[in-house]
């Protein structure tokens, strides 16, 4: 089985500029590197507030959470910025809850509210 991940990027502005990454497909060991590379590119460009829209993911493995954690650490190492999760699909929400990551990430359910929360 071949897994694919599509990442679309948009800019939103609330209290501060927010970069939204719309993820679609599977986020697993085969595709998590793509997310980390895209985040590195965005962070390197000076964007430090990232919102990951997870509604389009039909599958996420533990490597996806590892990628979220790695991105979070890069933002902290950069001195500022934050990562938040938006509207996880049911299977993704189940993984986040099962692995106990609900305490580590701010999970939002509405784009406007999420952007304003930064």
PDB file of N, CA and C in Angstrom:
ATOM      1  N   UNK A   1       0.830  -1.174   0.000  1.00  0.00           N
ATOM      2  CA  UNK A   1       0.000   0.000   0.000  1.00  0.00           C
ATOM      3  C   UNK A   1       0.882   1.248   0.000  1.00  0.00           C
ATOM      4  N   UNK A   2       0.592   2.155  -0.893  1.00  0.00           N
ATOM      5  CA  UNK A   2       1.346   3.386  -1.003  1.00  0.00           C
ATOM      6  C   UNK A   2       0.608   4.503  -0.286  1.00  0.00           C
ATOM      7  N   UNK A   3       1.316   5.195   0.584  1.00  0.00           N
ATOM      8  CA  UNK A   3       0.678   6.298   1.293  1.00  0.00           C
ATOM      9  C   UNK A   3       1.120   7.613   0.667  1.00  0.00           C
ATOM     10  N   UNK A   4       0.185   8.548   0.612  1.00  0.00           N
ATOM     11  CA  UNK A   4       0.496   9.864   0.068  1.00  0.00           C
ATOM     12  C   UNK A   4      -0.001  10.937   1.027  1.00  0.00           C
ATOM     13  N   UNK A   5       0.690  12.048   1.017  1.00  0.00           N
ATOM     14  CA  UNK A   5       0.315  13.200   1.809  1.00  0.00           C
ATOM     15  C   UNK A   5       0.353  14.421   0.914  1.00  0.00           C
ATOM     16  N   UNK A   6      -0.730  15.167   0.904  1.00  0.00           N
ATOM     17  CA  UNK A   6      -0.796  16.422   0.169  1.00  0.00           C
ATOM     18  C   UNK A   6      -0.843  17.546   1.196  1.00  0.00           C
ATOM     19  N   UNK A   7      -0.046  18.576   0.953  1.00  0.00           N
ATOM     20  CA  UNK A   7       0.018  19.713   1.871  1.00  0.00           C
ATOM     21  C   UNK A   7      -0.256  20.986   1.086  1.00  0.00           C
ATOM     22  N   UNK A   8      -1.313  21.683   1.458  1.00  0.00           N
ATOM     23  CA  UNK A   8      -1.602  22.997   0.899  1.00  0.00           C
ATOM     24  C   UNK A   8      -1.339  24.027   1.988  1.00  0.00           C
ATOM     25  N   UNK A   9      -0.828  25.178   1.593  1.00  0.00           N
ATOM     26  CA  UNK A   9      -0.445  26.197   2.557  1.00  0.00           C
ATOM     27  C   UNK A   9      -1.222  27.483   2.278  1.00  0.00           C
ATOM     28  N   UNK A  10      -1.718  28.098   3.340  1.00  0.00           N
ATOM     29  CA  UNK A  10      -2.426  29.369   3.230  1.00  0.00           C
ATOM     30  C   UNK A  10      -2.000  30.271   4.379  1.00  0.00           C
ATOM     31  N   UNK A  11      -2.161  31.554   4.180  1.00  0.00           N
ATOM     32  CA  UNK A  11      -1.855  32.533   5.226  1.00  0.00           C
ATOM     33  C   UNK A  11      -3.150  33.121   5.755  1.00  0.00           C
ATOM     34  N   UNK A  12      -3.232  33.249   7.056  1.00  0.00           N
ATOM     35  CA  UNK A  12      -4.366  33.888   7.730  1.00  0.00           C
ATOM     36  C   UNK A  12      -3.786  34.923   8.685  1.00  0.00           C
ATOM     37  N   UNK A  13      -4.594  35.903   9.030  1.00  0.00           N
ATOM     38  CA  UNK A  13      -4.140  36.902   9.988  1.00  0.00           C
ATOM     39  C   UNK A  13      -5.215  37.121  11.033  1.00  0.00           C
ATOM     40  N   UNK A  14      -4.814  36.956  12.280  1.00  0.00           N
ATOM     41  CA  UNK A  14      -5.659  37.267  13.426  1.00  0.00           C
ATOM     42  C   UNK A  14      -4.927  38.336  14.199  1.00  0.00           C
ATOM     43  N   UNK A  15      -4.540  38.035  15.421  1.00  0.00           N
ATOM     44  CA  UNK A  15      -3.704  38.939  16.208  1.00  0.00           C
ATOM     45  C   UNK A  15      -2.287  38.988  15.649  1.00  0.00           C
ATOM     46  N   UNK A  16      -1.880  37.878  15.024  1.00  0.00           N
ATOM     47  CA  UNK A  16      -0.560  37.737  14.400  1.00  0.00           C
ATOM     48  C   UNK A  16      -0.744  36.933  13.113  1.00  0.00           C
ATOM     49  N   UNK A  17       0.239  36.957  12.212  1.00  0.00           N
ATOM     50  CA  UNK A  17       0.147  36.114  11.017  1.00  0.00           C
ATOM     51  C   UNK A  17       0.213  34.627  11.401  1.00  0.00           C
ATOM     52  N   UNK A  18      -0.624  33.833  10.743  1.00  0.00           N
ATOM     53  CA  UNK A  18      -0.678  32.392  11.001  1.00  0.00           C
ATOM     54  C   UNK A  18      -0.579  31.666   9.658  1.00  0.00           C
ATOM     55  N   UNK A  19       0.296  30.675   9.596  1.00  0.00           N
ATOM     56  CA  UNK A  19       0.410  29.841   8.411  1.00  0.00           C
ATOM     57  C   UNK A  19      -0.388  28.568   8.651  1.00  0.00           C
ATOM     58  N   UNK A  20      -1.347  28.309   7.763  1.00  0.00           N
ATOM     59  CA  UNK A  20      -2.197  27.129   7.885  1.00  0.00           C
ATOM     60  C   UNK A  20      -1.714  26.079   6.888  1.00  0.00           C
ATOM     61  N   UNK A  21      -1.460  24.876   7.380  1.00  0.00           N
ATOM     62  CA  UNK A  21      -1.102  23.759   6.526  1.00  0.00           C
ATOM     63  C   UNK A  21      -2.289  22.802   6.499  1.00  0.00           C
ATOM     64  N   UNK A  22      -2.870  22.639   5.316  1.00  0.00           N
ATOM     65  CA  UNK A  22      -4.000  21.734   5.139  1.00  0.00           C
ATOM     66  C   UNK A  22      -3.434  20.388   4.704  1.00  0.00           C
ATOM     67  N   UNK A  23      -3.601  19.378   5.559  1.00  0.00           N
ATOM     68  CA  UNK A  23      -3.046  18.058   5.297  1.00  0.00           C
ATOM     69  C   UNK A  23      -4.144  17.135   4.781  1.00  0.00           C
ATOM     70  N   UNK A  24      -3.821  16.389   3.725  1.00  0.00           N
ATOM     71  CA  UNK A  24      -4.789  15.462   3.151  1.00  0.00           C
ATOM     72  C   UNK A  24      -4.079  14.159   2.798  1.00  0.00           C
ATOM     73  N   UNK A  25      -4.701  13.039   3.170  1.00  0.00           N
ATOM     74  CA  UNK A  25      -4.135  11.726   2.862  1.00  0.00           C
ATOM     75  C   UNK A  25      -3.714  11.003   4.121  1.00  0.00           C
ATOM     76  N   UNK A  26      -2.499  10.470   4.092  1.00  0.00           N
ATOM     77  CA  UNK A  26      -1.969   9.690   5.211  1.00  0.00           C
ATOM     78  C   UNK A  26      -0.717  10.342   5.768  1.00  0.00           C
ATOM     79  N   UNK A  27      -0.658  10.419   7.079  1.00  0.00           N
ATOM     80  CA  UNK A  27       0.532  10.925   7.756  1.00  0.00           C
ATOM     81  C   UNK A  27       1.107   9.770   8.560  1.00  0.00           C
ATOM     82  N   UNK A  28       2.166   9.201   8.021  1.00  0.00           N
ATOM     83  CA  UNK A  28       2.759   8.007   8.626  1.00  0.00           C
ATOM     84  C   UNK A  28       4.274   8.056   8.470  1.00  0.00           C
ATOM     85  N   UNK A  29       4.933   6.944   8.737  1.00  0.00           N
ATOM     86  CA  UNK A  29       6.394   6.896   8.666  1.00  0.00           C
ATOM     87  C   UNK A  29       6.908   7.229   7.265  1.00  0.00           C
ATOM     88  N   UNK A  30       6.122   6.932   6.240  1.00  0.00           N
ATOM     89  CA  UNK A  30       6.546   7.209   4.861  1.00  0.00           C
ATOM     90  C   UNK A  30       6.363   8.666   4.463  1.00  0.00           C
ATOM     91  N   UNK A  31       5.471   9.390   5.133  1.00  0.00           N
ATOM     92  CA  UNK A  31       5.146  10.747   4.701  1.00  0.00           C
ATOM     93  C   UNK A  31       5.458  11.834   5.727  1.00  0.00           C
ATOM     94  N   UNK A  32       5.773  11.457   6.949  1.00  0.00           N
ATOM     95  CA  UNK A  32       6.001  12.468   7.997  1.00  0.00           C
ATOM     96  C   UNK A  32       7.183  13.377   7.662  1.00  0.00           C
ATOM     97  N   UNK A  33       8.163  12.854   6.950  1.00  0.00           N
ATOM     98  CA  UNK A  33       9.311  13.671   6.537  1.00  0.00           C
ATOM     99  C   UNK A  33       8.900  14.811   5.621  1.00  0.00           C
ATOM    100  N   UNK A  34       7.873  14.584   4.796  1.00  0.00           N
ATOM    101  CA  UNK A  34       7.371  15.643   3.919  1.00  0.00           C
ATOM    102  C   UNK A  34       6.817  16.799   4.743  1.00  0.00           C
ATOM    103  N   UNK A  35       6.076  16.464   5.795  1.00  0.00           N
ATOM    104  CA  UNK A  35       5.518  17.496   6.666  1.00  0.00           C
ATOM    105  C   UNK A  35       6.634  18.251   7.368  1.00  0.00           C
ATOM    106  N   UNK A  36       7.612  17.539   7.888  1.00  0.00           N
ATOM    107  CA  UNK A  36       8.720  18.200   8.582  1.00  0.00           C
ATOM    108  C   UNK A  36       9.505  19.100   7.629  1.00  0.00           C
ATOM    109  N   UNK A  37       9.723  18.652   6.402  1.00  0.00           N
ATOM    110  CA  UNK A  37      10.436  19.474   5.414  1.00  0.00           C
ATOM    111  C   UNK A  37       9.666  20.739   5.080  1.00  0.00           C
ATOM    112  N   UNK A  38       8.354  20.608   4.882  1.00  0.00           N
ATOM    113  CA  UNK A  38       7.523  21.777   4.575  1.00  0.00           C
ATOM    114  C   UNK A  38       7.535  22.745   5.756  1.00  0.00           C
ATOM    115  N   UNK A  39       7.442  22.221   6.982  1.00  0.00           N
ATOM    116  CA  UNK A  39       7.486  23.073   8.173  1.00  0.00           C
ATOM    117  C   UNK A  39       8.838  23.769   8.283  1.00  0.00           C
ATOM    118  N   UNK A  40       9.932  23.066   8.001  1.00  0.00           N
ATOM    119  CA  UNK A  40      11.270  23.675   8.029  1.00  0.00           C
ATOM    120  C   UNK A  40      11.341  24.842   7.054  1.00  0.00           C
ATOM    121  N   UNK A  41      10.791  24.644   5.870  1.00  0.00           N
ATOM    122  CA  UNK A  41      10.779  25.680   4.841  1.00  0.00           C
ATOM    123  C   UNK A  41       9.994  26.912   5.327  1.00  0.00           C
ATOM    124  N   UNK A  42       8.843  26.660   5.926  1.00  0.00           N
ATOM    125  CA  UNK A  42       7.990  27.746   6.415  1.00  0.00           C
ATOM    126  C   UNK A  42       8.654  28.483   7.577  1.00  0.00           C
ATOM    127  N   UNK A  43       9.194  27.736   8.525  1.00  0.00           N
ATOM    128  CA  UNK A  43       9.873  28.336   9.679  1.00  0.00           C
ATOM    129  C   UNK A  43      11.107  29.113   9.219  1.00  0.00           C
ATOM    130  N   UNK A  44      11.838  28.534   8.267  1.00  0.00           N
ATOM    131  CA  UNK A  44      13.014  29.208   7.708  1.00  0.00           C
ATOM    132  C   UNK A  44      12.658  30.516   7.022  1.00  0.00           C
ATOM    133  N   UNK A  45      11.421  30.615   6.532  1.00  0.00           N
ATOM    134  CA  UNK A  45      10.952  31.839   5.895  1.00  0.00           C
ATOM    135  C   UNK A  45      10.441  32.872   6.885  1.00  0.00           C
ATOM    136  N   UNK A  46      10.543  32.568   8.170  1.00  0.00           N
ATOM    137  CA  UNK A  46      10.163  33.532   9.194  1.00  0.00           C
ATOM    138  C   UNK A  46       8.758  33.377   9.739  1.00  0.00           C
ATOM    139  N   UNK A  47       8.029  32.378   9.301  1.00  0.00           N
ATOM    140  CA  UNK A  47       6.676  32.136   9.807  1.00  0.00           C
ATOM    141  C   UNK A  47       6.764  31.253  11.046  1.00  0.00           C
ATOM    142  N   UNK A  48       6.250  31.760  12.157  1.00  0.00           N
ATOM    143  CA  UNK A  48       6.457  31.036  13.413  1.00  0.00           C
ATOM    144  C   UNK A  48       5.177  30.557  14.083  1.00  0.00           C
ATOM    145  N   UNK A  49       4.021  30.867  13.503  1.00  0.00           N
ATOM    146  CA  UNK A  49       2.764  30.386  14.070  1.00  0.00           C
ATOM    147  C   UNK A  49       2.121  29.453  13.052  1.00  0.00           C
ATOM    148  N   UNK A  50       2.119  28.165  13.375  1.00  0.00           N
ATOM    149  CA  UNK A  50       1.631  27.158  12.443  1.00  0.00           C
ATOM    150  C   UNK A  50       0.353  26.515  12.962  1.00  0.00           C
ATOM    151  N   UNK A  51      -0.614  26.404  12.072  1.00  0.00           N
ATOM    152  CA  UNK A  51      -1.874  25.732  12.361  1.00  0.00           C
ATOM    153  C   UNK A  51      -2.008  24.589  11.377  1.00  0.00           C
ATOM    154  N   UNK A  52      -2.074  23.368  11.895  1.00  0.00           N
ATOM    155  CA  UNK A  52      -2.173  22.188  11.036  1.00  0.00           C
ATOM    156  C   UNK A  52      -3.618  21.727  10.981  1.00  0.00           C
ATOM    157  N   UNK A  53      -4.234  21.840   9.810  1.00  0.00           N
ATOM    158  CA  UNK A  53      -5.613  21.389   9.623  1.00  0.00           C
ATOM    159  C   UNK A  53      -5.571  19.900   9.294  1.00  0.00           C
ATOM    160  N   UNK A  54      -6.116  19.092  10.202  1.00  0.00           N
ATOM    161  CA  UNK A  54      -6.019  17.634  10.102  1.00  0.00           C
ATOM    162  C   UNK A  54      -7.299  16.991   9.576  1.00  0.00           C
ATOM    163  N   UNK A  55      -8.257  17.784   9.164  1.00  0.00           N
ATOM    164  CA  UNK A  55      -9.540  17.247   8.738  1.00  0.00           C
ATOM    165  C   UNK A  55      -9.428  16.353   7.507  1.00  0.00           C
ATOM    166  N   UNK A  56      -8.461  16.597   6.646  1.00  0.00           N
ATOM    167  CA  UNK A  56      -8.318  15.819   5.417  1.00  0.00           C
ATOM    168  C   UNK A  56      -7.489  14.551   5.566  1.00  0.00           C
ATOM    169  N   UNK A  57      -7.005  14.276   6.768  1.00  0.00           N
ATOM    170  CA  UNK A  57      -6.221  13.054   6.971  1.00  0.00           C
ATOM    171  C   UNK A  57      -7.147  11.872   7.195  1.00  0.00           C
ATOM    172  N   UNK A  58      -6.940  10.828   6.415  1.00  0.00           N
ATOM    173  CA  UNK A  58      -7.726   9.616   6.636  1.00  0.00           C
ATOM    174  C   UNK A  58      -6.978   8.610   7.496  1.00  0.00           C
ATOM    175  N   UNK A  59      -5.678   8.864   7.705  1.00  0.00           N
ATOM    176  CA  UNK A  59      -4.878   7.981   8.559  1.00  0.00           C
ATOM    177  C   UNK A  59      -3.714   8.778   9.133  1.00  0.00           C
ATOM    178  N   UNK A  60      -3.396   8.524  10.396  1.00  0.00           N
ATOM    179  CA  UNK A  60      -2.193   9.058  11.005  1.00  0.00           C
ATOM    180  C   UNK A  60      -1.633   8.017  11.957  1.00  0.00           C
ATOM    181  N   UNK A  61      -0.366   7.731  11.810  1.00  0.00           N
ATOM    182  CA  UNK A  61       0.323   6.834  12.724  1.00  0.00           C
ATOM    183  C   UNK A  61       1.110   7.634  13.748  1.00  0.00           C
ATOM    184  N   UNK A  62       1.804   6.944  14.600  1.00  0.00           N
ATOM    185  CA  UNK A  62       2.576   7.616  15.646  1.00  0.00           C
ATOM    186  C   UNK A  62       3.676   8.501  15.064  1.00  0.00           C
ATOM    187  N   UNK A  63       4.136   8.210  13.852  1.00  0.00           N
ATOM    188  CA  UNK A  63       5.147   9.056  13.210  1.00  0.00           C
ATOM    189  C   UNK A  63       4.607  10.454  12.954  1.00  0.00           C
ATOM    190  N   UNK A  64       3.311  10.583  12.768  1.00  0.00           N
ATOM    191  CA  UNK A  64       2.700  11.895  12.601  1.00  0.00           C
ATOM    192  C   UNK A  64       2.836  12.724  13.866  1.00  0.00           C
ATOM    193  N   UNK A  65       2.586  12.105  15.002  1.00  0.00           N
ATOM    194  CA  UNK A  65       2.741  12.802  16.275  1.00  0.00           C
ATOM    195  C   UNK A  65       4.198  13.150  16.541  1.00  0.00           C
ATOM    196  N   UNK A  66       5.086  12.271  16.128  1.00  0.00           N
ATOM    197  CA  UNK A  66       6.517  12.559  16.254  1.00  0.00           C
ATOM    198  C   UNK A  66       6.869  13.788  15.423  1.00  0.00           C
ATOM    199  N   UNK A  67       6.283  13.902  14.227  1.00  0.00           N
ATOM    200  CA  UNK A  67       6.530  15.064  13.372  1.00  0.00           C
ATOM    201  C   UNK A  67       5.997  16.337  14.024  1.00  0.00           C
ATOM    202  N   UNK A  68       4.790  16.274  14.603  1.00  0.00           N
ATOM    203  CA  UNK A  68       4.235  17.439  15.297  1.00  0.00           C
ATOM    204  C   UNK A  68       5.172  17.882  16.416  1.00  0.00           C
ATOM    205  N   UNK A  69       5.673  16.908  17.171  1.00  0.00           N
ATOM    206  CA  UNK A  69       6.576  17.190  18.280  1.00  0.00           C
ATOM    207  C   UNK A  69       7.882  17.815  17.779  1.00  0.00           C
ATOM    208  N   UNK A  70       8.418  17.282  16.691  1.00  0.00           N
ATOM    209  CA  UNK A  70       9.665  17.820  16.126  1.00  0.00           C
ATOM    210  C   UNK A  70       9.467  19.262  15.662  1.00  0.00           C
ATOM    211  N   UNK A  71       8.327  19.541  15.032  1.00  0.00           N
ATOM    212  CA  UNK A  71       8.027  20.899  14.574  1.00  0.00           C
ATOM    213  C   UNK A  71       7.900  21.833  15.772  1.00  0.00           C
ATOM    214  N   UNK A  72       7.234  21.379  16.804  1.00  0.00           N
ATOM    215  CA  UNK A  72       7.080  22.172  18.021  1.00  0.00           C
ATOM    216  C   UNK A  72       8.440  22.532  18.614  1.00  0.00           C
ATOM    217  N   UNK A  73       9.351  21.574  18.654  1.00  0.00           N
ATOM    218  CA  UNK A  73      10.688  21.829  19.191  1.00  0.00           C
ATOM    219  C   UNK A  73      11.458  22.808  18.316  1.00  0.00           C
ATOM    220  N   UNK A  74      11.306  22.706  16.995  1.00  0.00           N
ATOM    221  CA  UNK A  74      11.988  23.650  16.098  1.00  0.00           C
ATOM    222  C   UNK A  74      11.494  25.068  16.346  1.00  0.00           C
ATOM    223  N   UNK A  75      10.196  25.214  16.545  1.00  0.00           N
ATOM    224  CA  UNK A  75       9.644  26.542  16.828  1.00  0.00           C
ATOM    225  C   UNK A  75      10.187  27.080  18.148  1.00  0.00           C
ATOM    226  N   UNK A  76      10.278  26.239  19.156  1.00  0.00           N
ATOM    227  CA  UNK A  76      10.808  26.668  20.452  1.00  0.00           C
ATOM    228  C   UNK A  76      12.287  27.001  20.353  1.00  0.00           C
ATOM    229  N   UNK A  77      13.040  26.197  19.582  1.00  0.00           N
ATOM    230  CA  UNK A  77      14.465  26.468  19.388  1.00  0.00           C
ATOM    231  C   UNK A  77      14.672  27.775  18.637  1.00  0.00           C
ATOM    232  N   UNK A  78      13.706  28.128  17.794  1.00  0.00           N
ATOM    233  CA  UNK A  78      13.754  29.361  17.024  1.00  0.00           C
ATOM    234  C   UNK A  78      13.482  30.582  17.907  1.00  0.00           C
ATOM    235  N   UNK A  79      12.990  30.345  19.118  1.00  0.00           N
ATOM    236  CA  UNK A  79      12.787  31.432  20.062  1.00  0.00           C
ATOM    237  C   UNK A  79      11.355  31.887  20.223  1.00  0.00           C
ATOM    238  N   UNK A  80      10.519  31.577  19.277  1.00  0.00           N
ATOM    239  CA  UNK A  80       9.120  31.979  19.410  1.00  0.00           C
ATOM    240  C   UNK A  80       8.280  31.145  18.460  1.00  0.00           C
ATOM    241  N   UNK A  81       6.999  31.313  18.586  1.00  0.00           N
ATOM    242  CA  UNK A  81       6.104  30.590  17.696  1.00  0.00           C
ATOM    243  C   UNK A  81       5.420  29.442  18.381  1.00  0.00           C
ATOM    244  N   UNK A  82       4.438  28.930  17.678  1.00  0.00           N
ATOM    245  CA  UNK A  82       3.593  27.908  18.274  1.00  0.00           C
ATOM    246  C   UNK A  82       2.977  27.052  17.170  1.00  0.00           C
ATOM    247  N   UNK A  83       2.682  25.820  17.508  1.00  0.00           N
ATOM    248  CA  UNK A  83       1.966  24.926  16.612  1.00  0.00           C
ATOM    249  C   UNK A  83       0.643  24.564  17.290  1.00  0.00           C
ATOM    250  N   UNK A  84      -0.424  24.610  16.510  1.00  0.00           N
ATOM    251  CA  UNK A  84      -1.736  24.184  16.998  1.00  0.00           C
ATOM    252  C   UNK A  84      -2.350  23.264  15.959  1.00  0.00           C
ATOM    253  N   UNK A  85      -3.254  22.421  16.415  1.00  0.00           N
ATOM    254  CA  UNK A  85      -3.926  21.461  15.542  1.00  0.00           C
ATOM    255  C   UNK A  85      -5.370  21.884  15.356  1.00  0.00           C
ATOM    256  N   UNK A  86      -5.878  21.672  14.146  1.00  0.00           N
ATOM    257  CA  UNK A  86      -7.234  22.086  13.829  1.00  0.00           C
ATOM    258  C   UNK A  86      -8.046  20.906  13.319  1.00  0.00           C
ATOM    259  N   UNK A  87      -9.215  20.737  13.889  1.00  0.00           N
ATOM    260  CA  UNK A  87     -10.255  19.864  13.381  1.00  0.00           C
ATOM    261  C   UNK A  87      -9.772  18.480  12.934  1.00  0.00           C
ATOM    262  N   UNK A  88      -9.177  17.708  13.829  1.00  0.00           N
ATOM    263  CA  UNK A  88      -8.716  16.374  13.428  1.00  0.00           C
ATOM    264  C   UNK A  88      -9.894  15.482  13.032  1.00  0.00           C
ATOM    265  N   UNK A  89      -9.700  14.721  11.975  1.00  0.00           N
ATOM    266  CA  UNK A  89     -10.706  13.746  11.565  1.00  0.00           C
ATOM    267  C   UNK A  89     -10.861  12.708  12.673  1.00  0.00           C
ATOM    268  N   UNK A  90     -11.921  11.931  12.622  1.00  0.00           N
ATOM    269  CA  UNK A  90     -12.193  10.942  13.676  1.00  0.00           C
ATOM    270  C   UNK A  90     -11.044   9.958  13.874  1.00  0.00           C
ATOM    271  N   UNK A  91     -10.494   9.352  12.794  1.00  0.00           N
ATOM    272  CA  UNK A  91      -9.383   8.412  13.026  1.00  0.00           C
ATOM    273  C   UNK A  91      -8.140   9.086  13.605  1.00  0.00           C
ATOM    274  N   UNK A  92      -7.892  10.321  13.201  1.00  0.00           N
ATOM    275  CA  UNK A  92      -6.729  11.048  13.713  1.00  0.00           C
ATOM    276  C   UNK A  92      -6.958  11.444  15.168  1.00  0.00           C
ATOM    277  N   UNK A  93      -8.139  11.891  15.490  1.00  0.00           N
ATOM    278  CA  UNK A  93      -8.486  12.241  16.862  1.00  0.00           C
ATOM    279  C   UNK A  93      -8.305  11.047  17.788  1.00  0.00           C
ATOM    280  N   UNK A  94      -8.679   9.882  17.299  1.00  0.00           N
ATOM    281  CA  UNK A  94      -8.542   8.653  18.096  1.00  0.00           C
ATOM    282  C   UNK A  94      -7.069   8.372  18.416  1.00  0.00           C
ATOM    283  N   UNK A  95      -6.184   8.561  17.439  1.00  0.00           N
ATOM    284  CA  UNK A  95      -4.750   8.338  17.653  1.00  0.00           C
ATOM    285  C   UNK A  95      -4.211   9.351  18.671  1.00  0.00           C
ATOM    286  N   UNK A  96      -4.583  10.617  18.501  1.00  0.00           N
ATOM    287  CA  UNK A  96      -4.111  11.664  19.410  1.00  0.00           C
ATOM    288  C   UNK A  96      -4.538  11.352  20.847  1.00  0.00           C
ATOM    289  N   UNK A  97      -5.788  10.961  21.021  1.00  0.00           N
ATOM    290  CA  UNK A  97      -6.302  10.645  22.357  1.00  0.00           C
ATOM    291  C   UNK A  97      -5.666   9.380  22.923  1.00  0.00           C
ATOM    292  N   UNK A  98      -5.581   8.331  22.108  1.00  0.00           N
ATOM    293  CA  UNK A  98      -5.043   7.048  22.565  1.00  0.00           C
ATOM    294  C   UNK A  98      -3.598   7.178  23.034  1.00  0.00           C
ATOM    295  N   UNK A  99      -2.814   7.978  22.318  1.00  0.00           N
ATOM    296  CA  UNK A  99      -1.408   8.132  22.674  1.00  0.00           C
ATOM    297  C   UNK A  99      -1.179   9.234  23.706  1.00  0.00           C
ATOM    298  N   UNK A 100      -2.255   9.866  24.165  1.00  0.00           N
ATOM    299  CA  UNK A 100      -2.157  10.827  25.254  1.00  0.00           C
ATOM    300  C   UNK A 100      -1.607  12.193  24.877  1.00  0.00           C
ATOM    301  N   UNK A 101      -1.760  12.599  23.619  1.00  0.00           N
ATOM    302  CA  UNK A 101      -1.200  13.870  23.182  1.00  0.00           C
ATOM    303  C   UNK A 101      -2.164  15.041  23.300  1.00  0.00           C
ATOM    304  N   UNK A 102      -3.356  14.814  23.822  1.00  0.00           N
ATOM    305  CA  UNK A 102      -4.309  15.915  23.985  1.00  0.00           C
ATOM    306  C   UNK A 102      -3.811  16.939  24.990  1.00  0.00           C
ATOM    307  N   UNK A 103      -2.931  16.539  25.898  1.00  0.00           N
ATOM    308  CA  UNK A 103      -2.375  17.459  26.890  1.00  0.00           C
ATOM    309  C   UNK A 103      -1.200  18.265  26.343  1.00  0.00           C
ATOM    310  N   UNK A 104      -0.643  17.844  25.218  1.00  0.00           N
ATOM    311  CA  UNK A 104       0.553  18.485  24.680  1.00  0.00           C
ATOM    312  C   UNK A 104       0.271  19.488  23.570  1.00  0.00           C
ATOM    313  N   UNK A 105      -0.857  19.348  22.901  1.00  0.00           N
ATOM    314  CA  UNK A 105      -1.170  20.214  21.771  1.00  0.00           C
ATOM    315  C   UNK A 105      -2.503  20.895  21.973  1.00  0.00           C
ATOM    316  N   UNK A 106      -2.560  22.162  21.585  1.00  0.00           N
ATOM    317  CA  UNK A 106      -3.800  22.921  21.584  1.00  0.00           C
ATOM    318  C   UNK A 106      -4.581  22.464  20.348  1.00  0.00           C
ATOM    319  N   UNK A 107      -5.732  21.851  20.575  1.00  0.00           N
ATOM    320  CA  UNK A 107      -6.550  21.319  19.479  1.00  0.00           C
ATOM    321  C   UNK A 107      -7.794  22.182  19.350  1.00  0.00           C
ATOM    322  N   UNK A 108      -7.944  22.796  18.194  1.00  0.00           N
ATOM    323  CA  UNK A 108      -9.045  23.705  17.911  1.00  0.00           C
ATOM    324  C   UNK A 108     -10.027  23.044  16.943  1.00  0.00           C
ATOM    325  N   UNK A 109     -11.276  23.540  16.934  1.00  0.00           N
ATOM    326  CA  UNK A 109     -12.278  22.948  16.054  1.00  0.00           C
ATOM    327  C   UNK A 109     -12.822  23.921  15.014  1.00  0.00           C
ATOM    328  N   UNK A 110     -12.398  25.186  15.065  1.00  0.00           N
ATOM    329  CA  UNK A 110     -12.911  26.203  14.156  1.00  0.00           C
ATOM    330  C   UNK A 110     -11.756  27.078  13.660  1.00  0.00           C
ATOM    331  N   UNK A 111     -11.666  27.272  12.359  1.00  0.00           N
ATOM    332  CA  UNK A 111     -10.542  28.015  11.782  1.00  0.00           C
ATOM    333  C   UNK A 111     -10.449  29.427  12.336  1.00  0.00           C
ATOM    334  N   UNK A 112     -11.535  30.178  12.331  1.00  0.00           N
ATOM    335  CA  UNK A 112     -11.482  31.569  12.802  1.00  0.00           C
ATOM    336  C   UNK A 112     -11.033  31.645  14.260  1.00  0.00           C
ATOM    337  N   UNK A 113     -11.608  30.816  15.102  1.00  0.00           N
ATOM    338  CA  UNK A 113     -11.222  30.801  16.517  1.00  0.00           C
ATOM    339  C   UNK A 113      -9.766  30.382  16.681  1.00  0.00           C
ATOM    340  N   UNK A 114      -9.349  29.403  15.884  1.00  0.00           N
ATOM    341  CA  UNK A 114      -7.966  28.918  15.979  1.00  0.00           C
ATOM    342  C   UNK A 114      -6.988  30.025  15.609  1.00  0.00           C
ATOM    343  N   UNK A 115      -7.262  30.750  14.529  1.00  0.00           N
ATOM    344  CA  UNK A 115      -6.371  31.827  14.092  1.00  0.00           C
ATOM    345  C   UNK A 115      -6.315  32.920  15.169  1.00  0.00           C
ATOM    346  N   UNK A 116      -7.444  33.258  15.746  1.00  0.00           N
ATOM    347  CA  UNK A 116      -7.488  34.292  16.784  1.00  0.00           C
ATOM    348  C   UNK A 116      -6.819  33.847  18.079  1.00  0.00           C
ATOM    349  N   UNK A 117      -6.642  32.540  18.274  1.00  0.00           N
ATOM    350  CA  UNK A 117      -6.065  32.039  19.516  1.00  0.00           C
ATOM    351  C   UNK A 117      -4.550  32.188  19.588  1.00  0.00           C
ATOM    352  N   UNK A 118      -3.918  32.563  18.487  1.00  0.00           N
ATOM    353  CA  UNK A 118      -2.468  32.746  18.493  1.00  0.00           C
ATOM    354  C   UNK A 118      -2.114  34.100  19.086  1.00  0.00           C
TER     355      UNK A 118
END
